[in-house]
């Protein structure tokens, strides 16, 4: 049985039409799947995107302060005024004042070590390092922080890589992405 030549063209046209429709449907599925994979890709261990400026909770004294996020700084630094070293049980401790606006909070912490900070165009400075709990969003870490009089700076806390590592990615175009979690009483 031989089909007229018109039928050959009709069958060929139908075959091309079906194939093209199938390819487009397959491409649409691929695009939809890739979009869905990119939405909500954060797993429980995924890094959070934070801005260049964030609010952090400092514990003690359980206050919220503005913090500058600095990926170039190795260590986190906290505004500490009237730093007074003293000895307790044969160990070196430090007492300092942390400002929350006009309110003063006196904090005492055991000194972990003393570091020498080299500053561009200025004399090196010795700073005390103490362990303090810092909370940003739902991330709470007890980390070493340097104590420095940051009265001349806009932000009383400088968050460095020792806090950011493994938890955050910084988008400098953003600010205030998270509120620090509230501690249970």
N, C-alpha and C. Protein backbone atom coordinates (compact mmCIF):
# COMPACT_ATOMS: atom_id res chain seq x y z
N UNK A 1 0.84 -1.16 0.00
CA UNK A 1 0.00 0.00 0.00
C UNK A 1 0.89 1.24 0.00
N UNK A 2 0.69 2.04 -0.98
CA UNK A 2 1.49 3.25 -1.14
C UNK A 2 0.58 4.44 -0.88
N UNK A 3 1.07 5.28 0.05
CA UNK A 3 0.30 6.47 0.37
C UNK A 3 0.65 7.59 -0.60
N UNK A 4 -0.32 8.41 -0.90
CA UNK A 4 0.00 9.55 -1.77
C UNK A 4 1.04 10.45 -1.10
N UNK A 5 1.78 11.16 -1.87
CA UNK A 5 2.88 12.00 -1.38
C UNK A 5 2.38 13.03 -0.37
N UNK A 6 1.12 13.50 -0.48
CA UNK A 6 0.58 14.45 0.49
C UNK A 6 0.55 13.86 1.88
N UNK A 7 0.22 12.59 1.98
CA UNK A 7 0.18 11.93 3.29
C UNK A 7 1.56 11.86 3.91
N UNK A 8 2.58 11.65 3.13
CA UNK A 8 3.95 11.61 3.67
C UNK A 8 4.29 12.93 4.35
N UNK A 9 3.93 14.00 3.64
CA UNK A 9 4.21 15.31 4.22
C UNK A 9 3.39 15.54 5.49
N UNK A 10 2.16 15.10 5.49
CA UNK A 10 1.30 15.25 6.67
C UNK A 10 1.86 14.47 7.86
N UNK A 11 2.27 13.26 7.61
CA UNK A 11 2.85 12.44 8.69
C UNK A 11 4.15 13.04 9.18
N UNK A 12 5.00 13.49 8.26
CA UNK A 12 6.27 14.12 8.63
C UNK A 12 6.02 15.38 9.45
N UNK A 13 5.04 16.22 9.00
CA UNK A 13 4.70 17.43 9.73
C UNK A 13 4.20 17.10 11.14
N UNK A 14 3.33 16.09 11.25
CA UNK A 14 2.81 15.68 12.55
C UNK A 14 3.94 15.20 13.47
N UNK A 15 4.87 14.42 12.92
CA UNK A 15 6.01 13.92 13.70
C UNK A 15 6.87 15.08 14.22
N UNK A 16 7.17 16.06 13.36
CA UNK A 16 7.99 17.23 13.76
C UNK A 16 7.25 18.04 14.81
N UNK A 17 5.97 18.23 14.64
CA UNK A 17 5.16 18.98 15.60
C UNK A 17 5.19 18.31 16.98
N UNK A 18 4.99 17.01 17.01
CA UNK A 18 5.00 16.28 18.29
C UNK A 18 6.38 16.34 18.94
N UNK A 19 7.42 16.18 18.16
CA UNK A 19 8.79 16.21 18.69
C UNK A 19 9.10 17.58 19.26
N UNK A 20 8.75 18.63 18.53
CA UNK A 20 9.00 19.99 19.00
C UNK A 20 8.24 20.27 20.28
N UNK A 21 6.98 19.87 20.34
CA UNK A 21 6.17 20.07 21.55
C UNK A 21 6.79 19.33 22.73
N UNK A 22 7.26 18.12 22.49
CA UNK A 22 7.89 17.34 23.55
C UNK A 22 9.16 18.01 24.05
N UNK A 23 9.97 18.54 23.13
CA UNK A 23 11.22 19.22 23.53
C UNK A 23 10.91 20.46 24.35
N UNK A 24 9.92 21.28 23.92
CA UNK A 24 9.56 22.47 24.68
C UNK A 24 9.02 22.10 26.06
N UNK A 25 8.20 21.08 26.13
CA UNK A 25 7.67 20.64 27.42
C UNK A 25 8.80 20.18 28.33
N UNK A 26 9.77 19.47 27.78
CA UNK A 26 10.92 19.00 28.56
C UNK A 26 11.74 20.19 29.06
N UNK A 27 11.98 21.21 28.19
CA UNK A 27 12.73 22.40 28.59
C UNK A 27 11.99 23.16 29.68
N UNK A 28 10.67 23.31 29.56
CA UNK A 28 9.88 23.99 30.58
C UNK A 28 9.99 23.28 31.92
N UNK A 29 9.97 21.96 31.90
CA UNK A 29 10.09 21.18 33.14
C UNK A 29 11.46 21.40 33.76
N UNK A 30 12.50 21.41 32.93
CA UNK A 30 13.86 21.62 33.44
C UNK A 30 13.97 23.00 34.07
N UNK A 31 13.44 24.05 33.39
CA UNK A 31 13.49 25.41 33.92
C UNK A 31 12.71 25.48 35.23
N UNK A 32 11.50 24.90 35.29
CA UNK A 32 10.71 24.94 36.52
C UNK A 32 11.44 24.22 37.64
N UNK A 33 12.03 23.06 37.35
CA UNK A 33 12.74 22.32 38.39
C UNK A 33 13.94 23.10 38.90
N UNK A 34 14.70 23.77 38.01
CA UNK A 34 15.86 24.51 38.46
C UNK A 34 15.44 25.71 39.29
N UNK A 35 14.31 26.35 38.94
CA UNK A 35 13.81 27.46 39.74
C UNK A 35 13.41 26.95 41.12
N UNK A 36 12.71 25.84 41.17
CA UNK A 36 12.27 25.29 42.45
C UNK A 36 13.45 24.87 43.32
N UNK A 37 14.51 24.39 42.68
CA UNK A 37 15.68 24.00 43.46
C UNK A 37 16.36 25.21 44.08
N UNK A 38 16.29 26.38 43.41
CA UNK A 38 16.95 27.57 43.91
C UNK A 38 16.12 28.31 44.95
N UNK A 39 14.85 28.00 45.06
CA UNK A 39 14.01 28.62 46.07
C UNK A 39 14.16 27.82 47.36
N UNK A 40 14.37 28.51 48.46
CA UNK A 40 14.48 27.88 49.77
C UNK A 40 15.57 26.80 49.79
N UNK A 41 16.74 27.14 49.31
CA UNK A 41 17.83 26.16 49.31
C UNK A 41 18.53 26.10 50.66
N UNK A 42 18.13 27.00 51.58
CA UNK A 42 18.80 26.99 52.87
C UNK A 42 18.40 25.76 53.66
N UNK A 43 19.40 24.99 53.98
CA UNK A 43 19.19 23.83 54.85
C UNK A 43 19.48 24.29 56.27
N UNK A 44 19.30 23.43 57.22
CA UNK A 44 19.55 23.83 58.61
C UNK A 44 21.00 24.25 58.82
N UNK A 45 21.92 23.71 58.04
CA UNK A 45 23.33 24.06 58.18
C UNK A 45 23.78 25.12 57.18
N UNK A 46 22.85 25.70 56.41
CA UNK A 46 23.21 26.69 55.39
C UNK A 46 23.60 28.01 56.05
N UNK A 47 24.46 28.74 55.36
CA UNK A 47 24.89 30.05 55.86
C UNK A 47 23.80 31.08 55.63
N UNK A 48 23.66 31.99 56.58
CA UNK A 48 22.67 33.05 56.50
C UNK A 48 23.32 34.28 55.88
N UNK A 49 22.54 35.02 55.09
CA UNK A 49 23.05 36.25 54.49
C UNK A 49 22.71 37.41 55.41
N UNK A 50 23.76 38.12 55.83
CA UNK A 50 23.58 39.28 56.71
C UNK A 50 24.09 40.52 56.00
N UNK A 51 23.71 41.68 56.53
CA UNK A 51 24.12 42.95 55.95
C UNK A 51 25.41 43.48 56.57
N UNK A 52 25.82 44.65 56.10
CA UNK A 52 27.05 45.28 56.57
C UNK A 52 26.88 45.83 57.99
N UNK A 53 25.64 46.09 58.38
CA UNK A 53 25.32 46.58 59.72
C UNK A 53 24.23 45.67 60.28
N UNK A 54 24.40 45.20 61.50
CA UNK A 54 23.41 44.32 62.13
C UNK A 54 23.28 44.68 63.61
N UNK A 55 22.17 44.29 64.19
CA UNK A 55 22.00 44.39 65.64
C UNK A 55 22.44 43.08 66.26
N UNK A 56 23.23 43.16 67.33
CA UNK A 56 23.69 41.97 68.03
C UNK A 56 23.36 42.11 69.51
N UNK A 57 23.19 40.97 70.15
CA UNK A 57 22.98 40.95 71.60
C UNK A 57 24.30 40.59 72.25
N UNK A 58 24.70 41.35 73.23
CA UNK A 58 25.94 41.13 73.98
C UNK A 58 25.56 40.60 75.36
N UNK A 59 26.13 39.44 75.71
CA UNK A 59 25.78 38.80 76.98
C UNK A 59 27.06 38.48 77.75
N UNK A 60 27.22 38.82 79.01
CA UNK A 60 26.45 39.85 79.67
C UNK A 60 26.79 41.21 79.07
N UNK A 61 26.00 42.16 79.22
CA UNK A 61 24.91 42.44 80.13
C UNK A 61 23.52 42.24 79.52
N UNK A 62 23.41 41.48 78.44
CA UNK A 62 22.14 41.21 77.78
C UNK A 62 21.52 42.48 77.20
N UNK A 63 22.33 43.17 76.35
CA UNK A 63 21.87 44.38 75.68
C UNK A 63 22.05 44.21 74.17
N UNK A 64 21.26 44.97 73.42
CA UNK A 64 21.36 44.94 71.96
C UNK A 64 22.13 46.18 71.52
N UNK A 65 23.17 45.95 70.71
CA UNK A 65 24.01 47.04 70.19
C UNK A 65 24.12 46.91 68.67
N UNK A 66 24.39 48.04 68.03
CA UNK A 66 24.63 48.03 66.59
C UNK A 66 26.05 47.55 66.33
N UNK A 67 26.20 46.75 65.29
CA UNK A 67 27.51 46.19 64.98
C UNK A 67 27.85 46.39 63.51
N UNK A 68 29.08 46.73 63.27
CA UNK A 68 29.62 46.81 61.91
C UNK A 68 30.20 45.44 61.58
N UNK A 69 29.82 44.87 60.45
CA UNK A 69 30.34 43.57 60.03
C UNK A 69 31.58 43.83 59.18
N UNK A 70 32.71 43.25 59.58
CA UNK A 70 33.98 43.50 58.90
C UNK A 70 34.68 42.18 58.60
N UNK A 71 34.58 41.74 57.35
CA UNK A 71 35.21 40.48 56.97
C UNK A 71 36.73 40.60 56.92
N UNK A 72 37.25 41.83 56.97
CA UNK A 72 38.69 42.04 56.99
C UNK A 72 39.29 41.93 58.38
N UNK A 73 38.44 41.99 59.40
CA UNK A 73 38.91 41.91 60.79
C UNK A 73 38.93 40.45 61.22
N UNK A 74 40.03 40.02 61.78
CA UNK A 74 40.15 38.63 62.22
C UNK A 74 39.30 38.39 63.47
N UNK A 75 39.35 39.34 64.40
CA UNK A 75 38.70 39.15 65.71
C UNK A 75 37.62 40.20 65.93
N UNK A 76 36.59 39.82 66.60
CA UNK A 76 35.51 40.72 67.00
C UNK A 76 36.01 41.67 68.08
N UNK A 77 35.54 42.91 68.04
CA UNK A 77 35.95 43.91 69.02
C UNK A 77 34.71 44.57 69.62
N UNK A 78 34.78 44.83 70.92
CA UNK A 78 33.65 45.40 71.65
C UNK A 78 34.09 46.70 72.32
N UNK A 79 33.20 47.69 72.33
CA UNK A 79 33.48 48.96 72.99
C UNK A 79 33.60 48.74 74.50
N UNK A 80 34.76 49.05 75.03
CA UNK A 80 35.01 48.89 76.47
C UNK A 80 35.71 50.15 76.96
N UNK A 81 35.12 50.78 77.95
CA UNK A 81 35.70 52.01 78.50
C UNK A 81 36.12 51.78 79.93
N UNK A 82 37.04 52.61 80.39
CA UNK A 82 37.57 52.51 81.76
C UNK A 82 38.05 51.09 82.05
N UNK A 83 38.86 50.54 81.19
CA UNK A 83 39.36 49.18 81.34
C UNK A 83 40.34 49.15 82.51
N UNK A 84 40.02 48.31 83.50
CA UNK A 84 40.85 48.20 84.69
C UNK A 84 41.23 46.75 84.93
N UNK A 85 42.52 46.43 84.81
CA UNK A 85 42.94 45.05 85.10
C UNK A 85 43.02 44.82 86.61
N UNK A 86 42.71 43.59 87.04
CA UNK A 86 42.86 43.22 88.45
C UNK A 86 43.08 41.71 88.52
N UNK A 87 43.42 41.25 89.72
CA UNK A 87 43.69 39.82 89.90
C UNK A 87 42.62 39.19 90.78
N UNK A 88 42.18 37.99 90.39
CA UNK A 88 41.19 37.26 91.16
C UNK A 88 41.61 35.78 91.15
N UNK A 89 41.79 35.22 92.32
CA UNK A 89 42.21 33.82 92.46
C UNK A 89 43.48 33.51 91.67
N UNK A 90 44.40 34.46 91.67
CA UNK A 90 45.67 34.26 90.98
C UNK A 90 45.59 34.39 89.47
N UNK A 91 44.44 34.75 88.94
CA UNK A 91 44.25 34.89 87.50
C UNK A 91 44.02 36.36 87.16
N UNK A 92 44.40 36.73 85.94
CA UNK A 92 44.22 38.10 85.51
C UNK A 92 42.79 38.30 84.99
N UNK A 93 42.13 39.30 85.54
CA UNK A 93 40.78 39.67 85.14
C UNK A 93 40.78 41.13 84.69
N UNK A 94 39.68 41.54 84.09
CA UNK A 94 39.54 42.92 83.67
C UNK A 94 38.11 43.38 83.96
N UNK A 95 38.00 44.63 84.39
CA UNK A 95 36.69 45.27 84.63
C UNK A 95 36.58 46.42 83.64
N UNK A 96 35.43 46.52 82.98
CA UNK A 96 35.26 47.60 82.01
C UNK A 96 33.81 48.02 81.95
N UNK A 97 33.58 49.16 81.34
CA UNK A 97 32.23 49.70 81.20
C UNK A 97 31.81 49.53 79.75
N UNK A 98 30.63 48.97 79.57
CA UNK A 98 30.02 48.82 78.24
C UNK A 98 28.83 49.78 78.18
N UNK A 99 28.80 50.60 77.15
CA UNK A 99 27.76 51.62 77.05
C UNK A 99 26.59 51.14 76.19
N UNK A 100 25.39 51.41 76.68
CA UNK A 100 24.15 51.15 75.94
C UNK A 100 23.42 52.49 75.88
N UNK A 101 23.77 53.30 74.89
CA UNK A 101 23.26 54.67 74.85
C UNK A 101 23.92 55.45 75.97
N UNK A 102 23.13 55.93 76.89
CA UNK A 102 23.65 56.66 78.06
C UNK A 102 23.82 55.75 79.27
N UNK A 103 23.31 54.54 79.18
CA UNK A 103 23.36 53.62 80.31
C UNK A 103 24.69 52.86 80.34
N UNK A 104 25.30 52.80 81.52
CA UNK A 104 26.58 52.10 81.69
C UNK A 104 26.34 50.73 82.30
N UNK A 105 27.07 49.74 81.80
CA UNK A 105 27.03 48.39 82.33
C UNK A 105 28.46 48.00 82.71
N UNK A 106 28.67 47.68 83.98
CA UNK A 106 30.00 47.28 84.42
C UNK A 106 30.11 45.76 84.26
N UNK A 107 31.15 45.34 83.56
CA UNK A 107 31.35 43.92 83.26
C UNK A 107 32.73 43.50 83.76
N UNK A 108 32.80 42.31 84.34
CA UNK A 108 34.07 41.72 84.75
C UNK A 108 34.24 40.40 84.01
N UNK A 109 35.41 40.22 83.38
CA UNK A 109 35.70 38.99 82.64
C UNK A 109 37.14 38.57 82.88
N UNK A 110 37.35 37.26 82.82
CA UNK A 110 38.70 36.72 82.93
C UNK A 110 39.43 36.98 81.61
N UNK A 111 40.68 37.42 81.71
CA UNK A 111 41.48 37.72 80.52
C UNK A 111 41.97 36.41 79.92
N UNK A 112 41.71 36.21 78.64
CA UNK A 112 42.17 35.04 77.91
C UNK A 112 43.63 35.24 77.50
N UNK A 113 43.91 36.44 76.96
CA UNK A 113 45.27 36.79 76.56
C UNK A 113 45.31 38.28 76.27
N UNK A 114 46.49 38.77 75.99
CA UNK A 114 46.69 40.15 75.56
C UNK A 114 47.30 40.09 74.17
N UNK A 115 46.78 40.91 73.26
CA UNK A 115 47.31 40.92 71.89
C UNK A 115 47.79 42.32 71.55
N UNK A 116 48.69 42.37 70.60
CA UNK A 116 49.17 43.66 70.12
C UNK A 116 48.56 43.89 68.74
N UNK A 117 47.80 44.96 68.63
CA UNK A 117 47.12 45.30 67.38
C UNK A 117 47.96 46.32 66.64
N UNK A 118 48.32 45.97 65.41
CA UNK A 118 49.07 46.88 64.56
C UNK A 118 48.07 47.70 63.77
N UNK A 119 48.26 49.03 63.81
CA UNK A 119 47.33 49.92 63.12
C UNK A 119 48.08 50.72 62.07
N UNK A 120 47.44 50.93 60.94
CA UNK A 120 48.06 51.64 59.83
C UNK A 120 48.32 53.10 60.20
N UNK A 121 49.57 53.51 60.12
CA UNK A 121 49.92 54.90 60.37
C UNK A 121 49.86 55.31 61.83
N UNK A 122 49.64 54.38 62.73
CA UNK A 122 49.57 54.71 64.15
C UNK A 122 50.40 53.72 64.95
N UNK A 123 50.60 54.03 66.22
CA UNK A 123 51.37 53.18 67.11
C UNK A 123 50.58 51.91 67.42
N UNK A 124 51.28 50.76 67.53
CA UNK A 124 50.61 49.51 67.90
C UNK A 124 49.98 49.66 69.28
N UNK A 125 48.93 48.87 69.52
CA UNK A 125 48.18 49.00 70.77
C UNK A 125 47.98 47.62 71.39
N UNK A 126 48.21 47.51 72.70
CA UNK A 126 47.94 46.27 73.42
C UNK A 126 46.47 46.25 73.83
N UNK A 127 45.83 45.11 73.60
CA UNK A 127 44.42 44.97 73.97
C UNK A 127 44.19 43.66 74.71
N UNK A 128 43.26 43.72 75.64
CA UNK A 128 42.86 42.51 76.37
C UNK A 128 41.87 41.73 75.50
N UNK A 129 41.95 40.41 75.62
CA UNK A 129 41.00 39.53 74.95
C UNK A 129 40.25 38.76 76.03
N UNK A 130 38.92 38.80 75.95
CA UNK A 130 38.06 38.08 76.89
C UNK A 130 37.02 37.29 76.10
N UNK A 131 36.46 36.29 76.73
CA UNK A 131 35.37 35.52 76.08
C UNK A 131 34.04 36.18 76.41
N UNK A 132 33.25 36.41 75.37
CA UNK A 132 31.92 36.98 75.55
C UNK A 132 30.95 36.28 74.60
N UNK A 133 29.69 36.22 75.00
CA UNK A 133 28.65 35.64 74.15
C UNK A 133 28.06 36.73 73.28
N UNK A 134 28.04 36.46 71.98
CA UNK A 134 27.44 37.39 71.02
C UNK A 134 26.36 36.62 70.26
N UNK A 135 25.21 37.28 70.09
CA UNK A 135 24.08 36.65 69.41
C UNK A 135 23.68 37.53 68.23
N UNK A 136 23.60 36.91 67.05
CA UNK A 136 23.12 37.59 65.85
C UNK A 136 22.08 36.67 65.24
N UNK A 137 20.85 37.13 65.15
CA UNK A 137 19.76 36.26 64.68
C UNK A 137 19.58 35.13 65.68
N UNK A 138 19.64 33.89 65.20
CA UNK A 138 19.52 32.75 66.11
C UNK A 138 20.86 32.07 66.34
N UNK A 139 21.95 32.75 65.97
CA UNK A 139 23.29 32.21 66.18
C UNK A 139 23.88 32.84 67.44
N UNK A 140 24.22 31.99 68.39
CA UNK A 140 24.80 32.42 69.65
C UNK A 140 26.16 31.75 69.81
N UNK A 141 27.21 32.58 69.99
CA UNK A 141 28.55 32.03 70.12
C UNK A 141 29.29 32.69 71.28
N UNK A 142 30.01 31.88 72.03
CA UNK A 142 30.93 32.38 73.05
C UNK A 142 32.29 32.44 72.37
N UNK A 143 32.76 33.65 72.10
CA UNK A 143 33.99 33.83 71.32
C UNK A 143 34.94 34.79 72.01
N UNK A 144 36.22 34.73 71.66
CA UNK A 144 37.16 35.74 72.16
C UNK A 144 36.92 37.07 71.45
N UNK A 145 36.85 38.14 72.23
CA UNK A 145 36.70 39.49 71.68
C UNK A 145 37.78 40.39 72.28
N UNK A 146 38.23 41.35 71.47
CA UNK A 146 39.19 42.32 71.99
C UNK A 146 38.41 43.48 72.58
N UNK A 147 38.97 44.05 73.62
CA UNK A 147 38.34 45.20 74.28
C UNK A 147 39.04 46.46 73.79
N UNK A 148 38.25 47.41 73.33
CA UNK A 148 38.80 48.63 72.77
C UNK A 148 37.81 49.77 72.99
N UNK A 149 38.33 50.95 73.32
CA UNK A 149 37.47 52.12 73.46
C UNK A 149 37.04 52.54 72.06
N UNK A 150 35.79 52.24 71.71
CA UNK A 150 35.26 52.53 70.38
C UNK A 150 34.36 53.77 70.38
N UNK A 151 34.60 54.67 71.34
CA UNK A 151 33.80 55.89 71.46
C UNK A 151 33.88 56.74 70.18
N UNK A 152 35.02 56.73 69.52
CA UNK A 152 35.21 57.53 68.30
C UNK A 152 34.55 56.89 67.08
N UNK A 153 34.10 55.66 67.21
CA UNK A 153 33.49 54.95 66.09
C UNK A 153 31.97 55.06 66.16
N UNK A 154 31.33 54.86 65.01
CA UNK A 154 29.87 54.92 64.96
C UNK A 154 29.25 53.71 65.64
N UNK A 155 29.86 52.53 65.46
CA UNK A 155 29.28 51.29 65.96
C UNK A 155 30.09 50.75 67.13
N UNK A 156 29.43 50.42 68.23
CA UNK A 156 30.14 49.95 69.42
C UNK A 156 30.69 48.53 69.30
N UNK A 157 30.25 47.78 68.32
CA UNK A 157 30.74 46.41 68.14
C UNK A 157 31.22 46.25 66.70
N UNK A 158 32.36 45.60 66.53
CA UNK A 158 32.88 45.24 65.22
C UNK A 158 32.92 43.71 65.17
N UNK A 159 32.14 43.14 64.27
CA UNK A 159 32.09 41.68 64.15
C UNK A 159 33.13 41.23 63.14
N UNK A 160 34.04 40.37 63.59
CA UNK A 160 35.10 39.87 62.74
C UNK A 160 34.85 38.43 62.29
N UNK A 161 35.86 37.90 61.59
CA UNK A 161 35.73 36.56 61.01
C UNK A 161 35.58 35.47 62.06
N UNK A 162 36.09 35.68 63.28
CA UNK A 162 35.96 34.62 64.29
C UNK A 162 34.50 34.37 64.68
N UNK A 163 33.61 35.32 64.41
CA UNK A 163 32.18 35.12 64.65
C UNK A 163 31.47 34.68 63.37
N UNK A 164 31.88 35.21 62.22
CA UNK A 164 31.20 34.98 60.95
C UNK A 164 31.43 33.59 60.38
N UNK A 165 32.64 33.08 60.58
CA UNK A 165 33.05 31.82 59.95
C UNK A 165 32.05 30.70 60.19
N UNK A 166 31.70 30.00 59.14
CA UNK A 166 30.81 28.83 59.14
C UNK A 166 29.33 29.15 59.33
N UNK A 167 28.97 30.41 59.57
CA UNK A 167 27.57 30.74 59.83
C UNK A 167 26.97 31.78 58.88
N UNK A 168 27.81 32.71 58.38
CA UNK A 168 27.25 33.85 57.66
C UNK A 168 27.98 34.15 56.36
N UNK A 169 27.21 34.75 55.44
CA UNK A 169 27.73 35.37 54.23
C UNK A 169 27.29 36.83 54.31
N UNK A 170 28.18 37.75 53.95
CA UNK A 170 27.88 39.18 54.09
C UNK A 170 27.54 39.79 52.74
N UNK A 171 26.37 40.43 52.67
CA UNK A 171 25.97 41.21 51.51
C UNK A 171 26.03 42.67 51.94
N UNK A 172 27.05 43.40 51.46
CA UNK A 172 27.29 44.77 51.94
C UNK A 172 26.20 45.74 51.51
N UNK A 173 25.35 45.34 50.59
CA UNK A 173 24.24 46.20 50.16
C UNK A 173 23.06 46.15 51.13
N UNK A 174 23.10 45.24 52.09
CA UNK A 174 21.98 45.07 53.01
C UNK A 174 22.35 45.54 54.41
N UNK A 175 21.30 45.80 55.22
CA UNK A 175 21.46 46.18 56.62
C UNK A 175 20.34 45.55 57.43
N UNK A 176 20.61 45.27 58.68
CA UNK A 176 19.61 44.82 59.64
C UNK A 176 18.73 43.69 59.11
N UNK A 177 19.33 42.59 58.76
CA UNK A 177 18.62 41.43 58.23
C UNK A 177 18.00 40.57 59.33
N UNK A 178 18.57 40.61 60.53
CA UNK A 178 18.10 39.74 61.62
C UNK A 178 18.02 40.53 62.94
N UNK A 179 17.10 40.10 63.77
CA UNK A 179 17.04 40.60 65.15
C UNK A 179 17.67 39.51 66.01
N UNK A 180 18.49 39.89 66.99
CA UNK A 180 19.07 38.85 67.84
C UNK A 180 17.99 38.18 68.68
N UNK A 181 18.08 36.87 68.81
CA UNK A 181 17.06 36.13 69.56
C UNK A 181 17.03 36.58 71.02
N UNK A 182 15.90 36.40 71.62
CA UNK A 182 15.70 36.76 73.03
C UNK A 182 16.12 35.57 73.87
N UNK A 183 16.88 35.82 74.90
CA UNK A 183 17.32 34.75 75.78
C UNK A 183 16.21 34.37 76.76
N UNK A 184 16.04 33.09 77.04
CA UNK A 184 15.04 32.70 78.03
C UNK A 184 15.44 33.19 79.41
N UNK A 185 14.42 33.52 80.21
CA UNK A 185 14.72 34.05 81.55
C UNK A 185 14.84 32.95 82.56
